[in-house]
Structures are given as C-alpha cells and as structure tokens.
Amino acid sequence: MNGHSIMQNQTALITGAAKRIGAEISRILHAEGMNIVIHYRSSRDEAQALCNELNALRADSAIILAADLLKLSDINQLVKQATDYWGQLDVLINNASTFYPTPVGDITEHHWDDLLGSNLKAPLFLSQAASPELKKTHGNIINIVDVHGFRPMKNHPVYCAAKAGLAMLTQSLAKELGPEIRVNGVAPGAILWPESNMEQDIELRETILDRTALKRQGTPKDIAATVRFLIRDADYITGQVIPVCGGRSLNI
C-alpha cells in the first residue's frame, strides 16, 4: 500500500490553518488525498481563499470553521462540526498559537492567559474533545511545539513556558491515549519570522541563522513534510517531538 492510499479520504482538523505554517500543512496533507478542516479565528478571508484553492483541486475536500480556542464551548463545537461534516476525524493538528515578547516586569495576567491559552490549554482540550473520534479511526494528534520549548528565548518567558508545557503534554497524551491514538510533536526552529515584527533587526536574524548547523532558514514546507511523515510513515512513533530547526537546537 502506498502512502497516498493510506491517507486517502481521511480527515484532518488543522487549527490556525489560514496562513503560514498551518496553510502549508493543509496543502501538503490535501495533496495526499485528505479532506481538510481549516480552522481560523479572525483570518476569514485567508481561510476562504485557501479553502477555494483546495476545492478547486478536488471538489468538496475542504471546509472552513471559525472558533475562539480560548473558549471551551467553541473547542467542543469545532470538533463536533469537523467530525460531522465527513463523518470521521483521523488527524488533529494543534498549530494555532500566539507569540509575542513578555519581558519580566511587564508581564500581565492577560499575557499569561493568552499565551498559555493558545499554546497549551487549547491543545489539551482539543485533544480531549477529539479523542473519542480519533480512537475510532486509530488516528493521530500532532502538536506544533517550538525549539524554544526546550531552550529559552530572551524576553519570551511566558511563551517558552507554554511551549515547554506543550512538549510534555505531547508525551503525556501519548501515554494516556495509546494504543489507539499516536501523539507526536514537531518543533520548528528558524522557519518564519514573526508577522508582528517584520522589521526585526537583520543582524539578529543573521545571528540566529548562524547558530544553525545548516546555516540557512527553513521553510513551512519543512514542517509540513515532517507532519506528513508522522501521519503516513511513522506507525511505530509516539510521544516524540521532532525538532525541525537545521541543527539549531544543538547550539541555541
């Protein structure tokens, strides 16, 4: 059996899928024959454009669903709607994330609730809500972590703590949800610079890339290909977080 047929007609729910890494994961899984549920919070136009792009390639193969992942009622509704549309759920990809600096002295309770909410609380409650359906299909949960969940990034203590929690949650859920569901993570390194800070110091970027063993920036395709591998080719891998960072985690 080739990889294409393994994923053919399976359904993936991808959070924060309207753009950037989430959109690339959507495209690469769709190319394998999967049906895609594109979750978005506020990026409706981008989500609809991606949905149209995928449906033009294969009719009735993508839908968009809005949800605020900080609200448990929205999370439960999202999983129900995603499952009801095609009658099954095979893969949950926890990609949605907030990211911004929180230097000590300026951290607010809102920062904590927002960063822990999107990066840790939402993946837990989405996984819990999806697990009954994923058990039926012997499915997968894949969490998008971050190399900074293992080594801290200056001025980002709350974000780093949230991603560290997500790495441990990945291991914990693998234990809780096996043998029916495999749970793994992908930890991007220098893949995309933050949208909110496009004018970031060029020198800082060069320093970051210089710390990678491969001396270059990765692309969203590198992350998406690793997600595909975990679904399609990694039947005996669970509870692992794979750094996709060009060797940066050797030398952060």
C-alpha atoms as a PDB file:
ATOM      1  CA  MET A   1       0.000   0.000   0.000  1.00  0.00           C
ATOM      2  CA  ASN A   2       1.494   3.359  -0.902  1.00  0.00           C
ATOM      3  CA  GLY A   3       1.346   6.431   1.290  1.00  0.00           C
ATOM      4  CA  HIS A   4      -1.264   8.134  -0.848  1.00  0.00           C
ATOM      5  CA  SER A   5      -3.855   5.423  -0.280  1.00  0.00           C
ATOM      6  CA  ILE A   6      -3.203   5.339   3.489  1.00  0.00           C
ATOM      7  CA  MET A   7      -4.298   8.985   3.806  1.00  0.00           C
ATOM      8  CA  GLN A   8      -6.916   8.954   1.033  1.00  0.00           C
ATOM      9  CA  ASN A   9     -10.287  10.240   2.259  1.00  0.00           C
ATOM     10  CA  GLN A  10      -9.056  10.690   5.826  1.00  0.00           C
ATOM     11  CA  THR A  11      -9.995  13.951   7.560  1.00  0.00           C
ATOM     12  CA  ALA A  12      -7.600  16.378   9.255  1.00  0.00           C
ATOM     13  CA  LEU A  13      -8.571  19.278  11.531  1.00  0.00           C
ATOM     14  CA  ILE A  14      -5.807  21.898  11.480  1.00  0.00           C
ATOM     15  CA  THR A  15      -6.037  24.831  13.882  1.00  0.00           C
ATOM     16  CA  GLY A  16      -4.769  28.228  12.782  1.00  0.00           C
ATOM     17  CA  ALA A  17      -4.714  26.872   9.227  1.00  0.00           C
ATOM     18  CA  ALA A  18      -5.461  30.023   7.241  1.00  0.00           C
ATOM     19  CA  LYS A  19      -1.860  31.090   6.632  1.00  0.00           C
ATOM     20  CA  ARG A  20       1.822  30.483   7.228  1.00  0.00           C
ATOM     21  CA  ILE A  21       2.727  27.001   8.530  1.00  0.00           C
ATOM     22  CA  GLY A  22      -0.911  25.939   9.009  1.00  0.00           C
ATOM     23  CA  ALA A  23      -1.746  26.672   5.374  1.00  0.00           C
ATOM     24  CA  GLU A  24       1.298  24.744   4.137  1.00  0.00           C
ATOM     25  CA  ILE A  25       0.345  21.732   6.279  1.00  0.00           C
ATOM     26  CA  SER A  26      -3.168  21.948   4.809  1.00  0.00           C
ATOM     27  CA  ARG A  27      -1.818  21.905   1.249  1.00  0.00           C
ATOM     28  CA  ILE A  28       0.597  19.020   1.754  1.00  0.00           C
ATOM     29  CA  LEU A  29      -1.970  16.792   3.513  1.00  0.00           C
ATOM     30  CA  HIS A  30      -4.601  17.670   0.924  1.00  0.00           C
ATOM     31  CA  ALA A  31      -2.165  16.578  -1.808  1.00  0.00           C
ATOM     32  CA  GLU A  32      -2.070  13.156  -0.108  1.00  0.00           C
ATOM     33  CA  GLY A  33      -5.840  12.794  -0.535  1.00  0.00           C
ATOM     34  CA  MET A  34      -7.006  14.057   2.867  1.00  0.00           C
ATOM     35  CA  ASN A  35     -10.076  16.182   3.494  1.00  0.00           C
ATOM     36  CA  ILE A  36      -9.113  19.365   5.351  1.00  0.00           C
ATOM     37  CA  VAL A  37     -10.944  21.304   8.057  1.00  0.00           C
ATOM     38  CA  ILE A  38      -9.364  24.778   8.040  1.00  0.00           C
ATOM     39  CA  HIS A  39      -9.846  26.378  11.453  1.00  0.00           C
ATOM     40  CA  TYR A  40      -9.410  30.131  11.807  1.00  0.00           C
ATOM     41  CA  ARG A  41     -10.121  32.747  14.448  1.00  0.00           C
ATOM     42  CA  SER A  42     -10.026  36.093  12.627  1.00  0.00           C
ATOM     43  CA  SER A  43      -8.365  35.361   9.256  1.00  0.00           C
ATOM     44  CA  ARG A  44     -11.593  34.558   7.425  1.00  0.00           C
ATOM     45  CA  ASP A  45     -10.520  35.896   4.019  1.00  0.00           C
ATOM     46  CA  GLU A  46      -7.279  33.899   4.014  1.00  0.00           C
ATOM     47  CA  ALA A  47      -9.108  30.770   5.241  1.00  0.00           C
ATOM     48  CA  GLN A  48     -11.719  31.100   2.488  1.00  0.00           C
ATOM     49  CA  ALA A  49      -9.056  31.660  -0.179  1.00  0.00           C
ATOM     50  CA  LEU A  50      -7.197  28.517   0.923  1.00  0.00           C
ATOM     51  CA  CYS A  51     -10.453  26.559   1.031  1.00  0.00           C
ATOM     52  CA  ASN A  52     -11.304  27.682  -2.526  1.00  0.00           C
ATOM     53  CA  GLU A  53      -7.795  26.741  -3.684  1.00  0.00           C
ATOM     54  CA  LEU A  54      -8.116  23.197  -2.260  1.00  0.00           C
ATOM     55  CA  ASN A  55     -11.679  22.669  -3.505  1.00  0.00           C
ATOM     56  CA  ALA A  56     -10.615  23.775  -6.999  1.00  0.00           C
ATOM     57  CA  LEU A  57      -8.100  20.912  -6.958  1.00  0.00           C
ATOM     58  CA  ARG A  58     -10.623  18.387  -5.594  1.00  0.00           C
ATOM     59  CA  ALA A  59     -14.306  19.141  -5.098  1.00  0.00           C
ATOM     60  CA  ASP A  60     -15.758  19.096  -1.573  1.00  0.00           C
ATOM     61  CA  SER A  61     -12.395  18.385   0.058  1.00  0.00           C
ATOM     62  CA  ALA A  62     -12.060  21.413   2.372  1.00  0.00           C
ATOM     63  CA  ILE A  63     -14.233  23.473   4.705  1.00  0.00           C
ATOM     64  CA  ILE A  64     -13.563  26.441   6.999  1.00  0.00           C
ATOM     65  CA  LEU A  65     -14.694  26.680  10.622  1.00  0.00           C
ATOM     66  CA  ALA A  66     -14.286  29.647  12.974  1.00  0.00           C
ATOM     67  CA  ALA A  67     -13.621  29.206  16.686  1.00  0.00           C
ATOM     68  CA  ASP A  68     -12.085  31.085  19.587  1.00  0.00           C
ATOM     69  CA  LEU A  69      -9.848  28.409  21.084  1.00  0.00           C
ATOM     70  CA  LEU A  70      -9.733  30.189  24.437  1.00  0.00           C
ATOM     71  CA  LYS A  71     -13.406  29.199  24.897  1.00  0.00           C
ATOM     72  CA  LEU A  72     -14.146  25.579  25.779  1.00  0.00           C
ATOM     73  CA  SER A  73     -17.608  25.791  24.229  1.00  0.00           C
ATOM     74  CA  ASP A  74     -16.026  26.829  20.905  1.00  0.00           C
ATOM     75  CA  ILE A  75     -13.487  23.982  21.122  1.00  0.00           C
ATOM     76  CA  ASN A  76     -16.146  21.329  21.655  1.00  0.00           C
ATOM     77  CA  GLN A  77     -18.304  22.768  18.886  1.00  0.00           C
ATOM     78  CA  LEU A  78     -15.321  22.901  16.495  1.00  0.00           C
ATOM     79  CA  VAL A  79     -14.522  19.206  16.984  1.00  0.00           C
ATOM     80  CA  LYS A  80     -18.198  18.261  16.589  1.00  0.00           C
ATOM     81  CA  GLN A  81     -18.631  20.279  13.378  1.00  0.00           C
ATOM     82  CA  ALA A  82     -15.345  18.975  11.957  1.00  0.00           C
ATOM     83  CA  THR A  83     -16.343  15.364  12.643  1.00  0.00           C
ATOM     84  CA  ASP A  84     -19.945  15.694  11.480  1.00  0.00           C
ATOM     85  CA  TYR A  85     -19.079  17.059   8.039  1.00  0.00           C
ATOM     86  CA  TRP A  86     -17.298  13.957   6.704  1.00  0.00           C
ATOM     87  CA  GLY A  87     -18.431  11.590   9.454  1.00  0.00           C
ATOM     88  CA  GLN A  88     -14.965  10.920  10.866  1.00  0.00           C
ATOM     89  CA  LEU A  89     -11.821  12.526  12.229  1.00  0.00           C
ATOM     90  CA  ASP A  90      -8.385  10.982  11.620  1.00  0.00           C
ATOM     91  CA  VAL A  91      -5.897  13.729  12.487  1.00  0.00           C
ATOM     92  CA  LEU A  92      -5.857  16.731  14.834  1.00  0.00           C
ATOM     93  CA  ILE A  93      -3.043  19.220  14.289  1.00  0.00           C
ATOM     94  CA  ASN A  94      -2.661  21.770  17.086  1.00  0.00           C
ATOM     95  CA  ASN A  95      -0.958  24.564  15.166  1.00  0.00           C
ATOM     96  CA  ALA A  96      -2.765  27.742  16.343  1.00  0.00           C
ATOM     97  CA  SER A  97      -0.506  29.867  18.517  1.00  0.00           C
ATOM     98  CA  THR A  98       0.025  33.357  19.863  1.00  0.00           C
ATOM     99  CA  PHE A  99       3.584  34.664  20.087  1.00  0.00           C
ATOM    100  CA  TYR A 100       4.980  37.922  21.405  1.00  0.00           C
ATOM    101  CA  PRO A 101       7.604  39.075  23.931  1.00  0.00           C
ATOM    102  CA  THR A 102       6.775  39.341  27.643  1.00  0.00           C
ATOM    103  CA  PRO A 103       9.850  40.809  29.373  1.00  0.00           C
ATOM    104  CA  VAL A 104       9.855  40.336  33.138  1.00  0.00           C
ATOM    105  CA  GLY A 105       8.454  43.466  34.765  1.00  0.00           C
ATOM    106  CA  ASP A 106       5.864  43.954  32.011  1.00  0.00           C
ATOM    107  CA  ILE A 107       4.044  40.586  32.171  1.00  0.00           C
ATOM    108  CA  THR A 108       0.293  40.844  32.742  1.00  0.00           C
ATOM    109  CA  GLU A 109      -2.283  38.235  33.642  1.00  0.00           C
ATOM    110  CA  HIS A 110      -3.724  38.700  30.152  1.00  0.00           C
ATOM    111  CA  HIS A 111      -0.365  37.730  28.603  1.00  0.00           C
ATOM    112  CA  TRP A 112      -0.302  34.575  30.728  1.00  0.00           C
ATOM    113  CA  ASP A 113      -3.903  33.618  29.937  1.00  0.00           C
ATOM    114  CA  ASP A 114      -3.485  34.319  26.214  1.00  0.00           C
ATOM    115  CA  LEU A 115      -0.117  32.618  25.647  1.00  0.00           C
ATOM    116  CA  LEU A 116      -0.847  29.609  27.875  1.00  0.00           C
ATOM    117  CA  GLY A 117      -4.371  29.502  26.484  1.00  0.00           C
ATOM    118  CA  SER A 118      -3.477  29.239  22.802  1.00  0.00           C
ATOM    119  CA  ASN A 119      -0.256  27.237  23.145  1.00  0.00           C
ATOM    120  CA  LEU A 120      -1.185  24.772  25.908  1.00  0.00           C
ATOM    121  CA  LYS A 121      -4.780  24.913  27.155  1.00  0.00           C
ATOM    122  CA  ALA A 122      -6.376  24.769  23.694  1.00  0.00           C
ATOM    123  CA  PRO A 123      -4.283  21.772  22.503  1.00  0.00           C
ATOM    124  CA  LEU A 124      -5.208  19.855  25.678  1.00  0.00           C
ATOM    125  CA  PHE A 125      -8.941  20.498  25.435  1.00  0.00           C
ATOM    126  CA  LEU A 126      -8.994  19.966  21.654  1.00  0.00           C
ATOM    127  CA  SER A 127      -7.216  16.633  22.153  1.00  0.00           C
ATOM    128  CA  GLN A 128      -9.678  15.651  24.869  1.00  0.00           C
ATOM    129  CA  ALA A 129     -12.667  16.591  22.722  1.00  0.00           C
ATOM    130  CA  ALA A 130     -11.287  14.810  19.649  1.00  0.00           C
ATOM    131  CA  SER A 131     -10.007  11.662  21.326  1.00  0.00           C
ATOM    132  CA  PRO A 132     -13.278   9.633  21.182  1.00  0.00           C
ATOM    133  CA  GLU A 133     -13.414  10.137  17.397  1.00  0.00           C
ATOM    134  CA  LEU A 134      -9.658   9.631  16.911  1.00  0.00           C
ATOM    135  CA  LYS A 135      -9.833   6.332  18.831  1.00  0.00           C
ATOM    136  CA  LYS A 136     -12.376   5.038  16.319  1.00  0.00           C
ATOM    137  CA  THR A 137     -10.022   5.766  13.412  1.00  0.00           C
ATOM    138  CA  HIS A 138      -6.732   4.912  15.207  1.00  0.00           C
ATOM    139  CA  GLY A 139      -5.800   8.479  14.454  1.00  0.00           C
ATOM    140  CA  ASN A 140      -3.073  10.993  15.192  1.00  0.00           C
ATOM    141  CA  ILE A 141      -2.578  14.150  17.217  1.00  0.00           C
ATOM    142  CA  ILE A 142       0.327  16.358  16.153  1.00  0.00           C
ATOM    143  CA  ASN A 143       1.322  19.399  18.202  1.00  0.00           C
ATOM    144  CA  ILE A 144       3.368  22.219  16.703  1.00  0.00           C
ATOM    145  CA  VAL A 145       5.822  22.966  19.515  1.00  0.00           C
ATOM    146  CA  ASP A 146       8.951  25.160  19.172  1.00  0.00           C
ATOM    147  CA  VAL A 147      12.672  24.641  19.777  1.00  0.00           C
ATOM    148  CA  HIS A 148      12.254  27.365  22.405  1.00  0.00           C
ATOM    149  CA  GLY A 149      10.121  24.946  24.400  1.00  0.00           C
ATOM    150  CA  PHE A 150      13.470  23.306  25.239  1.00  0.00           C
ATOM    151  CA  ARG A 151      15.865  26.266  25.322  1.00  0.00           C
ATOM    152  CA  PRO A 152      14.588  29.694  26.355  1.00  0.00           C
ATOM    153  CA  MET A 153      14.453  32.747  24.119  1.00  0.00           C
ATOM    154  CA  LYS A 154      15.222  36.041  25.837  1.00  0.00           C
ATOM    155  CA  ASN A 155      12.210  38.254  26.652  1.00  0.00           C
ATOM    156  CA  HIS A 156       9.743  35.394  25.967  1.00  0.00           C
ATOM    157  CA  PRO A 157       9.439  33.539  29.311  1.00  0.00           C
ATOM    158  CA  VAL A 158       5.673  33.003  29.118  1.00  0.00           C
ATOM    159  CA  TYR A 159       5.681  31.760  25.504  1.00  0.00           C
ATOM    160  CA  CYS A 160       8.649  29.448  26.171  1.00  0.00           C
ATOM    161  CA  ALA A 161       6.982  28.025  29.287  1.00  0.00           C
ATOM    162  CA  ALA A 162       3.786  27.390  27.303  1.00  0.00           C
ATOM    163  CA  LYS A 163       5.660  25.540  24.552  1.00  0.00           C
ATOM    164  CA  ALA A 164       7.618  23.533  27.149  1.00  0.00           C
ATOM    165  CA  GLY A 165       4.258  22.534  28.594  1.00  0.00           C
ATOM    166  CA  LEU A 166       3.070  21.507  25.133  1.00  0.00           C
ATOM    167  CA  ALA A 167       6.134  19.269  24.699  1.00  0.00           C
ATOM    168  CA  MET A 168       5.326  17.487  27.977  1.00  0.00           C
ATOM    169  CA  LEU A 169       1.626  17.351  27.071  1.00  0.00           C
ATOM    170  CA  THR A 170       2.633  15.572  23.858  1.00  0.00           C
ATOM    171  CA  GLN A 171       4.401  12.873  25.866  1.00  0.00           C
ATOM    172  CA  SER A 172       1.639  12.646  28.471  1.00  0.00           C
ATOM    173  CA  LEU A 173      -1.146  12.313  25.905  1.00  0.00           C
ATOM    174  CA  ALA A 174       0.819   9.638  24.039  1.00  0.00           C
ATOM    175  CA  LYS A 175       0.741   7.600  27.262  1.00  0.00           C
ATOM    176  CA  GLU A 176      -2.902   8.390  28.012  1.00  0.00           C
ATOM    177  CA  LEU A 177      -4.316   7.825  24.536  1.00  0.00           C
ATOM    178  CA  GLY A 178      -2.288   4.824  23.348  1.00  0.00           C
ATOM    179  CA  PRO A 179      -2.598   2.307  21.882  1.00  0.00           C
ATOM    180  CA  GLU A 180      -5.364   3.676  19.639  1.00  0.00           C
ATOM    181  CA  ILE A 181      -4.045   7.219  19.105  1.00  0.00           C
ATOM    182  CA  ARG A 182      -0.467   8.273  18.360  1.00  0.00           C
ATOM    183  CA  VAL A 183       0.564  11.707  19.675  1.00  0.00           C
ATOM    184  CA  ASN A 184       3.686  13.475  18.424  1.00  0.00           C
ATOM    185  CA  GLY A 185       5.048  16.973  18.007  1.00  0.00           C
ATOM    186  CA  VAL A 186       7.107  18.998  15.564  1.00  0.00           C
ATOM    187  CA  ALA A 187       9.353  21.766  16.927  1.00  0.00           C
ATOM    188  CA  PRO A 188      10.186  24.392  14.288  1.00  0.00           C
ATOM    189  CA  GLY A 189      13.346  26.477  14.573  1.00  0.00           C
ATOM    190  CA  ALA A 190      14.113  29.419  12.272  1.00  0.00           C
ATOM    191  CA  ILE A 191      11.246  28.925   9.826  1.00  0.00           C
ATOM    192  CA  LEU A 192       9.223  32.147   9.729  1.00  0.00           C
ATOM    193  CA  TRP A 193       9.917  35.462  11.389  1.00  0.00           C
ATOM    194  CA  PRO A 194       7.050  36.806  13.499  1.00  0.00           C
ATOM    195  CA  GLU A 195       4.421  38.643  11.452  1.00  0.00           C
ATOM    196  CA  SER A 196       4.206  41.398  14.023  1.00  0.00           C
ATOM    197  CA  ASN A 197       7.897  42.212  13.772  1.00  0.00           C
ATOM    198  CA  MET A 198       8.828  42.159  10.095  1.00  0.00           C
ATOM    199  CA  GLU A 199      11.362  44.940  10.663  1.00  0.00           C
ATOM    200  CA  GLN A 200      13.299  42.721  13.047  1.00  0.00           C
ATOM    201  CA  ASP A 201      16.977  43.539  13.299  1.00  0.00           C
ATOM    202  CA  ILE A 202      18.749  41.958  10.288  1.00  0.00           C
ATOM    203  CA  GLU A 203      21.805  41.350  12.440  1.00  0.00           C
ATOM    204  CA  LEU A 204      19.719  39.339  14.925  1.00  0.00           C
ATOM    205  CA  ARG A 205      18.350  37.179  12.105  1.00  0.00           C
ATOM    206  CA  GLU A 206      21.859  36.539  10.846  1.00  0.00           C
ATOM    207  CA  THR A 207      22.947  35.566  14.357  1.00  0.00           C
ATOM    208  CA  ILE A 208      20.056  33.109  14.637  1.00  0.00           C
ATOM    209  CA  LEU A 209      20.793  31.508  11.253  1.00  0.00           C
ATOM    210  CA  ASP A 210      24.497  31.375  12.096  1.00  0.00           C
ATOM    211  CA  ARG A 211      23.609  29.193  15.079  1.00  0.00           C
ATOM    212  CA  THR A 212      22.015  26.561  12.843  1.00  0.00           C
ATOM    213  CA  ALA A 213      24.233  23.721  11.648  1.00  0.00           C
ATOM    214  CA  LEU A 214      22.829  24.166   8.116  1.00  0.00           C
ATOM    215  CA  LYS A 215      23.381  27.976   8.080  1.00  0.00           C
ATOM    216  CA  ARG A 216      20.048  28.723   6.436  1.00  0.00           C
ATOM    217  CA  GLN A 217      16.413  29.351   7.196  1.00  0.00           C
ATOM    218  CA  GLY A 218      13.915  26.522   6.901  1.00  0.00           C
ATOM    219  CA  THR A 219      10.539  26.818   5.172  1.00  0.00           C
ATOM    220  CA  PRO A 220       6.954  25.949   6.143  1.00  0.00           C
ATOM    221  CA  LYS A 221       7.286  23.002   3.713  1.00  0.00           C
ATOM    222  CA  ASP A 222       9.929  21.501   6.014  1.00  0.00           C
ATOM    223  CA  ILE A 223       7.398  21.484   8.855  1.00  0.00           C
ATOM    224  CA  ALA A 224       4.550  20.218   6.684  1.00  0.00           C
ATOM    225  CA  ALA A 225       6.680  17.361   5.319  1.00  0.00           C
ATOM    226  CA  THR A 226       7.515  16.278   8.877  1.00  0.00           C
ATOM    227  CA  VAL A 227       3.818  16.328   9.796  1.00  0.00           C
ATOM    228  CA  ARG A 228       3.088  14.173   6.727  1.00  0.00           C
ATOM    229  CA  PHE A 229       5.838  11.737   7.758  1.00  0.00           C
ATOM    230  CA  LEU A 230       4.377  11.399  11.261  1.00  0.00           C
ATOM    231  CA  ILE A 231       0.933  10.593   9.850  1.00  0.00           C
ATOM    232  CA  ARG A 232       1.895   8.448   6.879  1.00  0.00           C
ATOM    233  CA  ASP A 233       5.185   6.719   7.653  1.00  0.00           C
ATOM    234  CA  ALA A 234       5.633   6.682  11.432  1.00  0.00           C
ATOM    235  CA  ASP A 235       3.270   3.974  12.595  1.00  0.00           C
ATOM    236  CA  TYR A 236       5.574   2.987  15.475  1.00  0.00           C
ATOM    237  CA  ILE A 237       6.449   6.517  16.660  1.00  0.00           C
ATOM    238  CA  THR A 238       4.519   8.138  19.502  1.00  0.00           C
ATOM    239  CA  GLY A 239       5.316  10.584  22.292  1.00  0.00           C
ATOM    240  CA  GLN A 240       8.147  12.224  20.341  1.00  0.00           C
ATOM    241  CA  VAL A 241       8.812  15.863  19.473  1.00  0.00           C
ATOM    242  CA  ILE A 242      10.946  16.204  16.342  1.00  0.00           C
ATOM    243  CA  PRO A 243      12.994  19.414  16.102  1.00  0.00           C
ATOM    244  CA  VAL A 244      12.992  20.783  12.537  1.00  0.00           C
ATOM    245  CA  CYS A 245      15.499  23.511  13.103  1.00  0.00           C
ATOM    246  CA  GLY A 246      18.511  22.992  10.841  1.00  0.00           C
ATOM    247  CA  GLY A 247      20.505  21.844  13.854  1.00  0.00           C
ATOM    248  CA  ARG A 248      19.860  24.994  15.851  1.00  0.00           C
ATOM    249  CA  SER A 249      18.865  23.002  18.935  1.00  0.00           C
ATOM    250  CA  LEU A 250      22.487  21.786  19.057  1.00  0.00           C
ATOM    251  CA  ASN A 251      23.648  25.337  19.642  1.00  0.00           C
ATOM    252  CA  ILE A 252      20.907  27.659  20.874  1.00  0.00           C
END
